[in-house]
Amino acid sequence: MVITKIFRNGNSQAVRIPVELAFKNWEMELVIERHGDELCIRPAQQRMGNVLEKFARFSSDFMANGRGDNQEDEREAL
Protein backbone atom coordinates (compact mmCIF):
# COMPACT_ATOMS: atom_id res chain seq x y z
CA MET A 1 0.00 0.00 0.00
CA VAL A 2 1.21 3.47 -0.88
CA ILE A 3 0.13 6.55 1.07
CA THR A 4 -0.07 9.93 -0.65
CA LYS A 5 -1.69 13.30 -0.01
CA ILE A 6 -4.28 15.46 -1.69
CA PHE A 7 -3.57 19.09 -2.47
CA ARG A 8 -5.37 22.07 -3.95
CA ASN A 9 -4.89 22.91 -7.62
CA GLY A 10 -6.92 26.04 -8.36
CA ASN A 11 -10.45 25.29 -7.14
CA SER A 12 -9.99 21.51 -7.43
CA GLN A 13 -8.51 18.83 -5.25
CA ALA A 14 -5.68 16.87 -6.79
CA VAL A 15 -3.86 13.73 -5.78
CA ARG A 16 -0.21 12.99 -6.33
CA ILE A 17 0.19 9.53 -7.91
CA PRO A 18 3.52 8.00 -6.84
CA VAL A 19 5.84 6.87 -9.63
CA GLU A 20 5.41 3.17 -8.81
CA LEU A 21 1.64 3.50 -9.48
CA ALA A 22 1.81 6.01 -12.33
CA PHE A 23 0.20 5.35 -15.69
CA LYS A 24 2.74 4.88 -18.50
CA ASN A 25 0.92 7.23 -20.85
CA TRP A 26 0.60 10.89 -19.85
CA GLU A 27 -1.62 11.72 -22.85
CA MET A 28 -4.75 9.97 -21.58
CA GLU A 29 -8.05 10.91 -20.02
CA LEU A 30 -9.06 9.25 -16.79
CA VAL A 31 -12.45 8.45 -15.26
CA ILE A 32 -12.87 8.96 -11.52
CA GLU A 33 -15.77 7.19 -9.80
CA ARG A 34 -16.80 7.29 -6.18
CA HIS A 35 -17.75 4.03 -4.45
CA GLY A 36 -18.72 4.96 -0.90
CA ASP A 37 -15.64 6.61 0.59
CA GLU A 38 -13.28 5.21 -2.10
CA LEU A 39 -12.30 6.73 -5.43
CA CYS A 40 -11.54 4.54 -8.44
CA ILE A 41 -9.30 6.06 -11.15
CA ARG A 42 -9.04 4.29 -14.52
CA PRO A 43 -8.39 5.11 -18.18
CA ALA A 44 -11.44 6.70 -19.84
CA GLN A 45 -11.57 4.15 -22.63
CA GLN A 46 -9.85 0.88 -23.22
CA ARG A 47 -8.21 0.97 -26.60
CA MET A 48 -7.93 -2.16 -28.67
CA GLY A 49 -4.19 -1.62 -28.96
CA ASN A 50 -2.46 -4.56 -30.59
CA VAL A 51 -5.53 -6.78 -30.85
CA LEU A 52 -4.61 -7.92 -34.38
CA GLU A 53 -1.20 -9.01 -33.12
CA LYS A 54 -2.91 -11.02 -30.37
CA PHE A 55 -5.25 -12.68 -32.89
CA ALA A 56 -2.24 -13.61 -35.05
CA ARG A 57 -0.91 -15.72 -32.15
CA PHE A 58 -3.82 -18.18 -32.41
CA SER A 59 -2.91 -21.46 -34.07
CA SER A 60 -4.16 -22.06 -37.61
CA ASP A 61 -6.52 -24.79 -36.35
CA PHE A 62 -8.07 -22.63 -33.64
CA MET A 63 -11.84 -23.16 -33.69
CA ALA A 64 -11.46 -25.52 -36.70
CA ASN A 65 -14.30 -27.61 -35.30
CA GLY A 66 -16.44 -24.58 -34.51
CA ARG A 67 -17.85 -24.00 -31.07
CA GLY A 68 -19.43 -27.40 -30.70
CA ASP A 69 -22.99 -27.92 -29.59
CA ASN A 70 -24.31 -24.96 -27.69
CA GLN A 71 -27.72 -26.14 -26.64
CA GLU A 72 -29.63 -23.52 -24.73
CA ASP A 73 -31.78 -24.53 -21.81
CA GLU A 74 -35.49 -23.89 -22.07
CA ARG A 75 -36.65 -20.75 -20.32
CA GLU A 76 -39.84 -20.01 -18.51
CA ALA A 77 -42.25 -17.87 -20.49
CA LEU A 78 -42.53 -14.26 -19.37
C-alpha atoms as a PDB file:
ATOM      1  CA  MET A   1       0.000   0.000   0.000  1.00  0.00           C
ATOM      2  CA  VAL A   2       1.209   3.470  -0.881  1.00  0.00           C
ATOM      3  CA  ILE A   3       0.126   6.554   1.068  1.00  0.00           C
ATOM      4  CA  THR A   4      -0.066   9.932  -0.654  1.00  0.00           C
ATOM      5  CA  LYS A   5      -1.689  13.304  -0.006  1.00  0.00           C
ATOM      6  CA  ILE A   6      -4.275  15.457  -1.687  1.00  0.00           C
ATOM      7  CA  PHE A   7      -3.572  19.095  -2.468  1.00  0.00           C
ATOM      8  CA  ARG A   8      -5.373  22.072  -3.946  1.00  0.00           C
ATOM      9  CA  ASN A   9      -4.892  22.914  -7.617  1.00  0.00           C
ATOM     10  CA  GLY A  10      -6.918  26.043  -8.358  1.00  0.00           C
ATOM     11  CA  ASN A  11     -10.452  25.288  -7.135  1.00  0.00           C
ATOM     12  CA  SER A  12      -9.990  21.511  -7.429  1.00  0.00           C
ATOM     13  CA  GLN A  13      -8.511  18.832  -5.250  1.00  0.00           C
ATOM     14  CA  ALA A  14      -5.683  16.870  -6.795  1.00  0.00           C
ATOM     15  CA  VAL A  15      -3.863  13.728  -5.781  1.00  0.00           C
ATOM     16  CA  ARG A  16      -0.211  12.990  -6.326  1.00  0.00           C
ATOM     17  CA  ILE A  17       0.194   9.531  -7.908  1.00  0.00           C
ATOM     18  CA  PRO A  18       3.520   7.998  -6.836  1.00  0.00           C
ATOM     19  CA  VAL A  19       5.844   6.870  -9.628  1.00  0.00           C
ATOM     20  CA  GLU A  20       5.407   3.169  -8.810  1.00  0.00           C
ATOM     21  CA  LEU A  21       1.645   3.497  -9.476  1.00  0.00           C
ATOM     22  CA  ALA A  22       1.810   6.012 -12.327  1.00  0.00           C
ATOM     23  CA  PHE A  23       0.203   5.354 -15.690  1.00  0.00           C
ATOM     24  CA  LYS A  24       2.736   4.879 -18.503  1.00  0.00           C
ATOM     25  CA  ASN A  25       0.917   7.233 -20.855  1.00  0.00           C
ATOM     26  CA  TRP A  26       0.603  10.889 -19.850  1.00  0.00           C
ATOM     27  CA  GLU A  27      -1.625  11.715 -22.846  1.00  0.00           C
ATOM     28  CA  MET A  28      -4.748   9.969 -21.580  1.00  0.00           C
ATOM     29  CA  GLU A  29      -8.049  10.905 -20.022  1.00  0.00           C
ATOM     30  CA  LEU A  30      -9.065   9.250 -16.786  1.00  0.00           C
ATOM     31  CA  VAL A  31     -12.446   8.451 -15.261  1.00  0.00           C
ATOM     32  CA  ILE A  32     -12.868   8.957 -11.521  1.00  0.00           C
ATOM     33  CA  GLU A  33     -15.769   7.191  -9.804  1.00  0.00           C
ATOM     34  CA  ARG A  34     -16.800   7.285  -6.177  1.00  0.00           C
ATOM     35  CA  HIS A  35     -17.752   4.034  -4.454  1.00  0.00           C
ATOM     36  CA  GLY A  36     -18.718   4.957  -0.903  1.00  0.00           C
ATOM     37  CA  ASP A  37     -15.642   6.608   0.586  1.00  0.00           C
ATOM     38  CA  GLU A  38     -13.279   5.209  -2.098  1.00  0.00           C
ATOM     39  CA  LEU A  39     -12.298   6.731  -5.433  1.00  0.00           C
ATOM     40  CA  CYS A  40     -11.545   4.545  -8.441  1.00  0.00           C
ATOM     41  CA  ILE A  41      -9.299   6.057 -11.146  1.00  0.00           C
ATOM     42  CA  ARG A  42      -9.039   4.285 -14.523  1.00  0.00           C
ATOM     43  CA  PRO A  43      -8.392   5.110 -18.179  1.00  0.00           C
ATOM     44  CA  ALA A  44     -11.440   6.703 -19.842  1.00  0.00           C
ATOM     45  CA  GLN A  45     -11.566   4.154 -22.626  1.00  0.00           C
ATOM     46  CA  GLN A  46      -9.851   0.883 -23.217  1.00  0.00           C
ATOM     47  CA  ARG A  47      -8.211   0.973 -26.603  1.00  0.00           C
ATOM     48  CA  MET A  48      -7.926  -2.161 -28.673  1.00  0.00           C
ATOM     49  CA  GLY A  49      -4.188  -1.622 -28.960  1.00  0.00           C
ATOM     50  CA  ASN A  50      -2.456  -4.555 -30.590  1.00  0.00           C
ATOM     51  CA  VAL A  51      -5.530  -6.785 -30.846  1.00  0.00           C
ATOM     52  CA  LEU A  52      -4.607  -7.916 -34.375  1.00  0.00           C
ATOM     53  CA  GLU A  53      -1.201  -9.013 -33.119  1.00  0.00           C
ATOM     54  CA  LYS A  54      -2.908 -11.017 -30.374  1.00  0.00           C
ATOM     55  CA  PHE A  55      -5.251 -12.680 -32.888  1.00  0.00           C
ATOM     56  CA  ALA A  56      -2.245 -13.614 -35.048  1.00  0.00           C
ATOM     57  CA  ARG A  57      -0.912 -15.725 -32.150  1.00  0.00           C
ATOM     58  CA  PHE A  58      -3.821 -18.178 -32.406  1.00  0.00           C
ATOM     59  CA  SER A  59      -2.908 -21.459 -34.069  1.00  0.00           C
ATOM     60  CA  SER A  60      -4.163 -22.064 -37.607  1.00  0.00           C
ATOM     61  CA  ASP A  61      -6.518 -24.790 -36.353  1.00  0.00           C
ATOM     62  CA  PHE A  62      -8.069 -22.631 -33.640  1.00  0.00           C
ATOM     63  CA  MET A  63     -11.843 -23.160 -33.689  1.00  0.00           C
ATOM     64  CA  ALA A  64     -11.460 -25.515 -36.697  1.00  0.00           C
ATOM     65  CA  ASN A  65     -14.303 -27.606 -35.297  1.00  0.00           C
ATOM     66  CA  GLY A  66     -16.435 -24.580 -34.511  1.00  0.00           C
ATOM     67  CA  ARG A  67     -17.852 -23.995 -31.072  1.00  0.00           C
ATOM     68  CA  GLY A  68     -19.430 -27.398 -30.705  1.00  0.00           C
ATOM     69  CA  ASP A  69     -22.985 -27.920 -29.586  1.00  0.00           C
ATOM     70  CA  ASN A  70     -24.310 -24.956 -27.692  1.00  0.00           C
ATOM     71  CA  GLN A  71     -27.718 -26.143 -26.641  1.00  0.00           C
ATOM     72  CA  GLU A  72     -29.628 -23.516 -24.735  1.00  0.00           C
ATOM     73  CA  ASP A  73     -31.778 -24.526 -21.812  1.00  0.00           C
ATOM     74  CA  GLU A  74     -35.486 -23.889 -22.069  1.00  0.00           C
ATOM     75  CA  ARG A  75     -36.649 -20.753 -20.321  1.00  0.00           C
ATOM     76  CA  GLU A  76     -39.839 -20.014 -18.514  1.00  0.00           C
ATOM     77  CA  ALA A  77     -42.246 -17.869 -20.488  1.00  0.00           C
ATOM     78  CA  LEU A  78     -42.526 -14.258 -19.373  1.00  0.00           C
END
